[in-house]
Amino acid sequence: YNALYDKAWLSIAKDLDELFDKLVKVRHEIALK
């Protein structure tokens, strides 16, 4: 079941990379402003 859990998350791994990259950039802009 840990392998199943890992498999579920792995299906969106690249999407999470992209999402967090956007979050970091917008949060940095908020801080600067």
All heavy atoms as atom14 arrays in JSON, in Angstrom:
{
  "sequence": "YNALYDKAWLSIAKDLDELFDKLVKVRHEIALK",
  "atom14_mask": [
    [1, 1, 1, 1, 1, 1, 1, 1, 1, 1, 1, 1, 0, 0],
    [1, 1, 1, 1, 1, 1, 1, 1, 0, 0, 0, 0, 0, 0],
    [1, 1, 1, 1, 1, 0, 0, 0, 0, 0, 0, 0, 0, 0],
    [1, 1, 1, 1, 1, 1, 1, 1, 0, 0, 0, 0, 0, 0],
    [1, 1, 1, 1, 1, 1, 1, 1, 1, 1, 1, 1, 0, 0],
    [1, 1, 1, 1, 1, 1, 1, 1, 0, 0, 0, 0, 0, 0],
    [1, 1, 1, 1, 1, 1, 1, 1, 1, 0, 0, 0, 0, 0],
    [1, 1, 1, 1, 1, 0, 0, 0, 0, 0, 0, 0, 0, 0],
    [1, 1, 1, 1, 1, 1, 1, 1, 1, 1, 1, 1, 1, 1],
    [1, 1, 1, 1, 1, 1, 1, 1, 0, 0, 0, 0, 0, 0],
    [1, 1, 1, 1, 1, 1, 0, 0, 0, 0, 0, 0, 0, 0],
    [1, 1, 1, 1, 1, 1, 1, 1, 0, 0, 0, 0, 0, 0],
    [1, 1, 1, 1, 1, 0, 0, 0, 0, 0, 0, 0, 0, 0],
    [1, 1, 1, 1, 1, 1, 1, 1, 1, 0, 0, 0, 0, 0],
    [1, 1, 1, 1, 1, 1, 1, 1, 0, 0, 0, 0, 0, 0],
    [1, 1, 1, 1, 1, 1, 1, 1, 0, 0, 0, 0, 0, 0],
    [1, 1, 1, 1, 1, 1, 1, 1, 0, 0, 0, 0, 0, 0],
    [1, 1, 1, 1, 1, 1, 1, 1, 1, 0, 0, 0, 0, 0],
    [1, 1, 1, 1, 1, 1, 1, 1, 0, 0, 0, 0, 0, 0],
    [1, 1, 1, 1, 1, 1, 1, 1, 1, 1, 1, 0, 0, 0],
    [1, 1, 1, 1, 1, 1, 1, 1, 0, 0, 0, 0, 0, 0],
    [1, 1, 1, 1, 1, 1, 1, 1, 1, 0, 0, 0, 0, 0],
    [1, 1, 1, 1, 1, 1, 1, 1, 0, 0, 0, 0, 0, 0],
    [1, 1, 1, 1, 1, 1, 1, 0, 0, 0, 0, 0, 0, 0],
    [1, 1, 1, 1, 1, 1, 1, 1, 1, 0, 0, 0, 0, 0],
    [1, 1, 1, 1, 1, 1, 1, 0, 0, 0, 0, 0, 0, 0],
    [1, 1, 1, 1, 1, 1, 1, 1, 1, 1, 1, 0, 0, 0],
    [1, 1, 1, 1, 1, 1, 1, 1, 1, 1, 0, 0, 0, 0],
    [1, 1, 1, 1, 1, 1, 1, 1, 1, 0, 0, 0, 0, 0],
    [1, 1, 1, 1, 1, 1, 1, 1, 0, 0, 0, 0, 0, 0],
    [1, 1, 1, 1, 1, 0, 0, 0, 0, 0, 0, 0, 0, 0],
    [1, 1, 1, 1, 1, 1, 1, 1, 0, 0, 0, 0, 0, 0],
    [1, 1, 1, 1, 1, 1, 1, 1, 1, 0, 0, 0, 0, 0]
  ],
  "atom14_positions": [
    [[0.81, -1.22, 0.0], [0.0, 0.0, 0.0], [0.85, 1.27, 0.0], [0.42, 2.31, -0.53], [-0.98, -0.01, 1.17], [-2.21, -0.83, 0.87], [-2.23, -2.21, 1.05], [-3.35, -0.23, 0.34], [-3.35, -2.97, 0.75], [-4.48, -0.98, 0.02], [-4.47, -2.35, 0.23], [-5.58, -3.09, -0.09], [0.0, 0.0, 0.0], [0.0, 0.0, 0.0]],
    [[2.03, 1.2, 0.55], [2.95, 2.33, 0.42], [3.36, 2.53, -1.02], [3.51, 3.66, -1.48], [4.18, 2.13, 1.32], [3.98, 2.66, 2.72], [4.26, 3.81, 3.01], [3.46, 1.8, 3.6], [0.0, 0.0, 0.0], [0.0, 0.0, 0.0], [0.0, 0.0, 0.0], [0.0, 0.0, 0.0], [0.0, 0.0, 0.0], [0.0, 0.0, 0.0]],
    [[3.53, 1.42, -1.74], [3.86, 1.49, -3.16], [2.7, 2.09, -3.96], [2.91, 2.88, -4.89], [4.22, 0.11, -3.7], [0.0, 0.0, 0.0], [0.0, 0.0, 0.0], [0.0, 0.0, 0.0], [0.0, 0.0, 0.0], [0.0, 0.0, 0.0], [0.0, 0.0, 0.0], [0.0, 0.0, 0.0], [0.0, 0.0, 0.0], [0.0, 0.0, 0.0]],
    [[1.47, 1.74, -3.58], [0.29, 2.32, -4.25], [0.2, 3.82, -3.99], [-0.11, 4.62, -4.89], [-0.98, 1.63, -3.75], [-1.21, 0.18, -4.17], [-2.41, -0.41, -3.43], [-1.43, 0.09, -5.69], [0.0, 0.0, 0.0], [0.0, 0.0, 0.0], [0.0, 0.0, 0.0], [0.0, 0.0, 0.0], [0.0, 0.0, 0.0], [0.0, 0.0, 0.0]],
    [[0.47, 4.22, -2.76], [0.46, 5.63, -2.38], [1.5, 6.41, -3.18], [1.23, 7.48, -3.73], [0.75, 5.75, -0.88], [0.38, 7.07, -0.24], [-0.93, 7.32, 0.13], [1.34, 8.03, 0.03], [-1.28, 8.51, 0.75], [1.01, 9.22, 0.64], [-0.3, 9.46, 1.01], [-0.63, 10.64, 1.61], [0.0, 0.0, 0.0], [0.0, 0.0, 0.0]],
    [[2.69, 5.82, -3.27], [3.77, 6.43, -4.03], [3.4, 6.55, -5.51], [3.66, 7.58, -6.16], [5.03, 5.57, -3.88], [6.28, 6.29, -4.31], [6.9, 6.97, -3.47], [6.65, 6.18, -5.49], [0.0, 0.0, 0.0], [0.0, 0.0, 0.0], [0.0, 0.0, 0.0], [0.0, 0.0, 0.0], [0.0, 0.0, 0.0], [0.0, 0.0, 0.0]],
    [[2.77, 5.51, -6.04], [2.35, 5.51, -7.45], [1.35, 6.63, -7.73], [1.42, 7.3, -8.77], [1.74, 4.15, -7.8], [1.25, 4.03, -9.22], [0.61, 2.66, -9.46], [0.05, 2.54, -10.87], [-0.61, 1.22, -11.1], [0.0, 0.0, 0.0], [0.0, 0.0, 0.0], [0.0, 0.0, 0.0], [0.0, 0.0, 0.0], [0.0, 0.0, 0.0]],
    [[0.4, 6.83, -6.79], [-0.59, 7.88, -6.97], [0.06, 9.25, -7.06], [-0.24, 10.05, -7.95], [-1.6, 7.84, -5.82], [0.0, 0.0, 0.0], [0.0, 0.0, 0.0], [0.0, 0.0, 0.0], [0.0, 0.0, 0.0], [0.0, 0.0, 0.0], [0.0, 0.0, 0.0], [0.0, 0.0, 0.0], [0.0, 0.0, 0.0], [0.0, 0.0, 0.0]],
    [[0.98, 9.51, -6.15], [1.67, 10.82, -6.14], [2.57, 10.99, -7.35], [2.69, 12.1, -7.9], [2.47, 10.98, -4.85], [1.63, 11.37, -3.68], [1.09, 10.55, -2.74], [1.24, 12.7, -3.3], [0.39, 11.28, -1.81], [0.46, 12.6, -2.13], [1.48, 13.96, -3.84], [-0.08, 13.72, -1.49], [0.94, 15.07, -3.22], [0.16, 14.94, -2.06]],
    [[3.2, 9.92, -7.76], [4.12, 10.01, -8.89], [3.4, 10.43, -10.17], [4.0, 11.05, -11.05], [4.82, 8.66, -9.1], [6.12, 8.65, -9.9], [7.16, 9.58, -9.28], [6.68, 7.24, -10.0], [0.0, 0.0, 0.0], [0.0, 0.0, 0.0], [0.0, 0.0, 0.0], [0.0, 0.0, 0.0], [0.0, 0.0, 0.0], [0.0, 0.0, 0.0]],
    [[2.11, 10.14, -10.24], [1.34, 10.5, -11.45], [1.2, 12.0, -11.63], [0.89, 12.47, -12.74], [-0.05, 9.84, -11.39], [-0.84, 10.43, -10.35], [0.0, 0.0, 0.0], [0.0, 0.0, 0.0], [0.0, 0.0, 0.0], [0.0, 0.0, 0.0], [0.0, 0.0, 0.0], [0.0, 0.0, 0.0], [0.0, 0.0, 0.0], [0.0, 0.0, 0.0]],
    [[1.42, 12.79, -10.57], [1.31, 14.25, -10.69], [2.63, 14.95, -10.33], [2.65, 16.17, -10.1], [0.17, 14.82, -9.8], [0.41, 14.47, -8.32], [-1.18, 14.32, -10.27], [-0.53, 15.22, -7.37], [0.0, 0.0, 0.0], [0.0, 0.0, 0.0], [0.0, 0.0, 0.0], [0.0, 0.0, 0.0], [0.0, 0.0, 0.0], [0.0, 0.0, 0.0]],
    [[3.73, 14.21, -10.3], [5.01, 14.76, -9.85], [5.44, 15.98, -10.67], [5.79, 17.03, -10.11], [6.09, 13.69, -9.9], [0.0, 0.0, 0.0], [0.0, 0.0, 0.0], [0.0, 0.0, 0.0], [0.0, 0.0, 0.0], [0.0, 0.0, 0.0], [0.0, 0.0, 0.0], [0.0, 0.0, 0.0], [0.0, 0.0, 0.0], [0.0, 0.0, 0.0]],
    [[5.41, 15.87, -11.97], [5.84, 16.98, -12.82], [4.89, 18.17, -12.71], [5.32, 19.33, -12.78], [5.95, 16.51, -14.27], [7.04, 15.47, -14.5], [8.41, 16.0, -14.1], [9.5, 14.97, -14.32], [10.84, 15.46, -13.87], [0.0, 0.0, 0.0], [0.0, 0.0, 0.0], [0.0, 0.0, 0.0], [0.0, 0.0, 0.0], [0.0, 0.0, 0.0]],
    [[3.61, 17.88, -12.54], [2.64, 18.97, -12.35], [2.92, 19.73, -11.06], [2.78, 20.96, -11.0], [1.22, 18.4, -12.3], [0.79, 17.76, -13.61], [1.24, 18.24, -14.67], [0.03, 16.79, -13.57], [0.0, 0.0, 0.0], [0.0, 0.0, 0.0], [0.0, 0.0, 0.0], [0.0, 0.0, 0.0], [0.0, 0.0, 0.0], [0.0, 0.0, 0.0]],
    [[3.34, 19.0, -10.02], [3.67, 19.64, -8.74], [4.93, 20.49, -8.86], [5.02, 21.56, -8.25], [3.85, 18.58, -7.65], [2.58, 17.83, -7.25], [2.91, 16.73, -6.23], [1.53, 18.78, -6.66], [0.0, 0.0, 0.0], [0.0, 0.0, 0.0], [0.0, 0.0, 0.0], [0.0, 0.0, 0.0], [0.0, 0.0, 0.0], [0.0, 0.0, 0.0]],
    [[5.9, 20.04, -9.66], [7.1, 20.84, -9.91], [6.72, 22.19, -10.51], [7.18, 23.24, -10.08], [8.03, 20.11, -10.88], [8.76, 18.94, -10.24], [8.84, 18.89, -8.99], [9.24, 18.07, -10.99], [0.0, 0.0, 0.0], [0.0, 0.0, 0.0], [0.0, 0.0, 0.0], [0.0, 0.0, 0.0], [0.0, 0.0, 0.0], [0.0, 0.0, 0.0]],
    [[5.87, 22.12, -11.52], [5.45, 23.34, -12.23], [4.62, 24.24, -11.32], [4.81, 25.46, -11.3], [4.64, 22.95, -13.47], [4.19, 24.13, -14.31], [3.38, 23.71, -15.52], [3.47, 22.52, -15.91], [2.65, 24.55, -16.07], [0.0, 0.0, 0.0], [0.0, 0.0, 0.0], [0.0, 0.0, 0.0], [0.0, 0.0, 0.0], [0.0, 0.0, 0.0]],
    [[3.71, 23.65, -10.56], [2.85, 24.43, -9.68], [3.67, 25.15, -8.61], [3.48, 26.34, -8.36], [1.82, 23.5, -9.02], [0.88, 24.14, -8.0], [-0.01, 25.19, -8.66], [0.02, 23.09, -7.32], [0.0, 0.0, 0.0], [0.0, 0.0, 0.0], [0.0, 0.0, 0.0], [0.0, 0.0, 0.0], [0.0, 0.0, 0.0], [0.0, 0.0, 0.0]],
    [[4.6, 24.43, -7.98], [5.38, 25.06, -6.92], [6.3, 26.14, -7.47], [6.53, 27.16, -6.82], [6.21, 24.01, -6.17], [6.88, 24.55, -4.94], [6.13, 24.97, -3.85], [8.26, 24.66, -4.87], [6.74, 25.49, -2.71], [8.88, 25.16, -3.74], [8.12, 25.58, -2.65], [0.0, 0.0, 0.0], [0.0, 0.0, 0.0], [0.0, 0.0, 0.0]],
    [[6.82, 25.94, -8.65], [7.66, 26.96, -9.28], [6.89, 28.26, -9.45], [7.4, 29.36, -9.18], [8.17, 26.47, -10.63], [9.38, 27.25, -11.12], [10.39, 27.28, -10.4], [9.29, 27.85, -12.2], [0.0, 0.0, 0.0], [0.0, 0.0, 0.0], [0.0, 0.0, 0.0], [0.0, 0.0, 0.0], [0.0, 0.0, 0.0], [0.0, 0.0, 0.0]],
    [[5.64, 28.17, -9.86], [4.8, 29.36, -10.0], [4.52, 29.99, -8.63], [4.51, 31.22, -8.5], [3.47, 28.98, -10.68], [3.61, 28.59, -12.13], [2.26, 28.18, -12.71], [2.38, 27.76, -14.17], [1.06, 27.3, -14.72], [0.0, 0.0, 0.0], [0.0, 0.0, 0.0], [0.0, 0.0, 0.0], [0.0, 0.0, 0.0], [0.0, 0.0, 0.0]],
    [[4.28, 29.14, -7.62], [4.0, 29.65, -6.28], [5.2, 30.41, -5.72], [5.04, 31.49, -5.12], [3.63, 28.5, -5.34], [2.21, 27.97, -5.43], [2.07, 26.64, -4.7], [1.22, 28.99, -4.88], [0.0, 0.0, 0.0], [0.0, 0.0, 0.0], [0.0, 0.0, 0.0], [0.0, 0.0, 0.0], [0.0, 0.0, 0.0], [0.0, 0.0, 0.0]],
    [[6.4, 29.87, -5.89], [7.6, 30.54, -5.39], [7.76, 31.91, -6.03], [8.04, 32.9, -5.35], [8.86, 29.67, -5.65], [10.13, 30.48, -5.36], [8.84, 28.43, -4.78], [0.0, 0.0, 0.0], [0.0, 0.0, 0.0], [0.0, 0.0, 0.0], [0.0, 0.0, 0.0], [0.0, 0.0, 0.0], [0.0, 0.0, 0.0], [0.0, 0.0, 0.0]],
    [[7.55, 31.98, -7.32], [7.76, 33.24, -8.03], [6.72, 34.29, -7.64], [7.06, 35.47, -7.44], [7.74, 32.98, -9.54], [9.0, 32.27, -10.03], [8.95, 31.94, -11.51], [10.31, 31.45, -12.01], [10.87, 30.33, -11.25], [0.0, 0.0, 0.0], [0.0, 0.0, 0.0], [0.0, 0.0, 0.0], [0.0, 0.0, 0.0], [0.0, 0.0, 0.0]],
    [[5.46, 33.91, -7.51], [4.45, 34.9, -7.15], [4.62, 35.33, -5.69], [4.42, 36.5, -5.34], [3.02, 34.38, -7.42], [2.63, 33.26, -6.46], [2.0, 35.52, -7.32], [0.0, 0.0, 0.0], [0.0, 0.0, 0.0], [0.0, 0.0, 0.0], [0.0, 0.0, 0.0], [0.0, 0.0, 0.0], [0.0, 0.0, 0.0], [0.0, 0.0, 0.0]],
    [[5.02, 34.42, -4.84], [5.24, 34.78, -3.43], [6.44, 35.72, -3.29], [6.43, 36.62, -2.44], [5.41, 33.51, -2.59], [4.12, 32.78, -2.37], [4.31, 31.37, -1.82], [3.01, 30.73, -1.59], [2.84, 29.43, -1.36], [3.9, 28.61, -1.33], [1.64, 28.93, -1.16], [0.0, 0.0, 0.0], [0.0, 0.0, 0.0], [0.0, 0.0, 0.0]],
    [[7.46, 35.49, -4.09], [8.62, 36.39, -4.05], [8.21, 37.78, -4.52], [8.63, 38.8, -3.93], [9.73, 35.84, -4.95], [11.0, 36.63, -4.88], [11.74, 36.75, -3.73], [11.65, 37.36, -5.84], [12.79, 37.51, -3.96], [12.77, 37.89, -5.24], [0.0, 0.0, 0.0], [0.0, 0.0, 0.0], [0.0, 0.0, 0.0], [0.0, 0.0, 0.0]],
    [[7.38, 37.84, -5.54], [6.91, 39.15, -6.04], [6.07, 39.86, -4.99], [6.18, 41.08, -4.81], [6.11, 38.95, -7.33], [5.77, 40.25, -8.04], [5.08, 40.05, -9.37], [4.95, 38.88, -9.8], [4.64, 41.06, -9.96], [0.0, 0.0, 0.0], [0.0, 0.0, 0.0], [0.0, 0.0, 0.0], [0.0, 0.0, 0.0], [0.0, 0.0, 0.0]],
    [[5.24, 39.13, -4.28], [4.43, 39.71, -3.2], [5.35, 40.31, -2.13], [5.12, 41.43, -1.64], [3.51, 38.64, -2.58], [2.36, 38.3, -3.53], [2.96, 39.1, -1.23], [1.51, 37.12, -3.09], [0.0, 0.0, 0.0], [0.0, 0.0, 0.0], [0.0, 0.0, 0.0], [0.0, 0.0, 0.0], [0.0, 0.0, 0.0], [0.0, 0.0, 0.0]],
    [[6.4, 39.57, -1.77], [7.33, 40.06, -0.75], [8.02, 41.34, -1.19], [8.11, 42.31, -0.42], [8.37, 38.98, -0.45], [0.0, 0.0, 0.0], [0.0, 0.0, 0.0], [0.0, 0.0, 0.0], [0.0, 0.0, 0.0], [0.0, 0.0, 0.0], [0.0, 0.0, 0.0], [0.0, 0.0, 0.0], [0.0, 0.0, 0.0], [0.0, 0.0, 0.0]],
    [[8.49, 41.38, -2.43], [9.17, 42.56, -2.93], [8.24, 43.77, -2.98], [8.64, 44.89, -2.61], [9.75, 42.29, -4.32], [10.86, 41.23, -4.42], [11.31, 41.07, -5.87], [12.04, 41.6, -3.53], [0.0, 0.0, 0.0], [0.0, 0.0, 0.0], [0.0, 0.0, 0.0], [0.0, 0.0, 0.0], [0.0, 0.0, 0.0], [0.0, 0.0, 0.0]],
    [[7.01, 43.56, -3.39], [6.06, 44.68, -3.52], [5.6, 45.22, -2.17], [5.05, 46.32, -2.1], [4.84, 44.25, -4.35], [5.13, 44.19, -5.84], [3.86, 44.3, -6.66], [4.17, 44.47, -8.13], [2.96, 44.73, -8.94], [0.0, 0.0, 0.0], [0.0, 0.0, 0.0], [0.0, 0.0, 0.0], [0.0, 0.0, 0.0], [0.0, 0.0, 0.0]]
  ]
}
